[in-house]
Amino acid sequence: MANKSEIFTNKNNKSQSVKYTVKDKITVSGLDDVNTFNYEYIKYLNYDKNVIHNTKLNPNEVIIHSDFSENYSMKYSTEI
């Protein structure tokens, strides 16, 4: 994903800047792709470990942690 911006004049003749995200098509080797995934996954696991470590739980409690700050999203089973 790439961030782009444009400047345009609105109906009041004022300049405004608009930022938006566009998908870019990239080509990488399979090995580079796997290495990138592993790097990002380890970063996520370390973050998740820190969240769980800093939370005190009783033996009959569980944490379900969903983090959407990195554009993770969930899908319905019908979308898969």
Protein backbone atom coordinates (compact mmCIF):
# COMPACT_ATOMS: atom_id res chain seq x y z
CA MET A 1 0.00 0.00 0.00
CA ALA A 2 1.21 3.46 -0.83
CA ASN A 3 0.05 6.79 0.53
CA LYS A 4 -0.59 9.50 -2.04
CA SER A 5 -1.78 13.06 -1.73
CA GLU A 6 -3.28 15.64 -4.05
CA ILE A 7 -3.94 19.33 -3.70
CA PHE A 8 -7.14 20.68 -5.20
CA THR A 9 -9.25 23.83 -5.03
CA ASN A 10 -12.63 23.44 -3.36
CA LYS A 11 -15.79 25.35 -4.26
CA ASN A 12 -14.75 28.23 -1.95
CA ASN A 13 -11.50 28.64 -3.94
CA LYS A 14 -9.41 27.36 -1.07
CA SER A 15 -6.62 24.85 -1.63
CA GLN A 16 -6.98 21.58 0.22
CA SER A 17 -4.72 18.58 0.49
CA VAL A 18 -6.30 15.13 0.41
CA LYS A 19 -4.40 11.98 1.39
CA TYR A 20 -5.48 8.51 0.33
CA THR A 21 -4.11 4.99 0.15
CA VAL A 22 -3.76 3.07 -3.08
CA LYS A 23 -2.75 -0.52 -3.73
CA ASP A 24 0.52 -0.97 -5.57
CA LYS A 25 1.37 -4.18 -7.37
CA ILE A 26 4.83 -5.41 -6.45
CA THR A 27 6.79 -8.48 -7.48
CA VAL A 28 9.05 -10.26 -5.00
CA SER A 29 10.71 -13.64 -4.85
CA GLY A 30 9.13 -16.35 -2.73
CA LEU A 31 12.08 -16.30 -0.32
CA ASP A 32 11.86 -12.52 0.18
CA ASP A 33 8.13 -12.84 0.79
CA VAL A 34 8.62 -15.57 3.40
CA ASN A 35 11.38 -13.60 5.14
CA THR A 36 9.18 -10.48 5.29
CA PHE A 37 6.30 -12.50 6.71
CA ASN A 38 8.54 -14.10 9.35
CA TYR A 39 9.95 -10.71 10.38
CA GLU A 40 6.50 -9.11 10.71
CA TYR A 41 5.05 -12.16 12.48
CA ILE A 42 7.85 -12.20 15.08
CA LYS A 43 7.27 -8.47 15.71
CA TYR A 44 3.57 -9.15 16.23
CA LEU A 45 4.22 -12.11 18.56
CA ASN A 46 6.58 -10.02 20.70
CA TYR A 47 3.96 -7.27 20.94
CA ASP A 48 1.25 -9.80 21.81
CA LYS A 49 3.51 -11.42 24.43
CA ASN A 50 4.05 -8.04 26.10
CA VAL A 51 0.31 -7.37 26.28
CA ILE A 52 -0.39 -10.76 27.84
CA HIS A 53 2.59 -10.54 30.22
CA ASN A 54 1.40 -7.20 31.59
CA THR A 55 -2.07 -8.54 32.38
CA LYS A 56 -2.71 -10.40 35.64
CA LEU A 57 -5.12 -13.32 35.21
CA ASN A 58 -6.81 -15.71 37.56
CA PRO A 59 -6.50 -19.42 36.68
CA ASN A 60 -10.07 -19.51 35.30
CA GLU A 61 -9.63 -16.45 32.99
CA VAL A 62 -8.49 -16.17 29.39
CA ILE A 63 -7.39 -13.30 27.12
CA ILE A 64 -8.73 -12.91 23.61
CA HIS A 65 -6.66 -10.17 22.06
CA SER A 66 -7.50 -8.65 18.67
CA ASP A 67 -5.25 -5.92 17.37
CA PHE A 68 -6.52 -3.95 14.37
CA SER A 69 -3.99 -1.10 14.55
CA GLU A 70 -1.85 -2.63 11.78
CA ASN A 71 -4.79 -3.04 9.38
CA TYR A 72 -5.46 -6.62 10.37
CA SER A 73 -9.01 -7.62 9.60
CA MET A 74 -11.29 -10.55 10.24
CA LYS A 75 -13.34 -12.30 7.55
CA TYR A 76 -16.58 -14.19 7.63
CA SER A 77 -16.26 -17.86 6.78
CA THR A 78 -18.29 -17.19 3.61
CA GLU A 79 -15.56 -14.79 2.37
CA ILE A 80 -12.79 -17.39 2.56
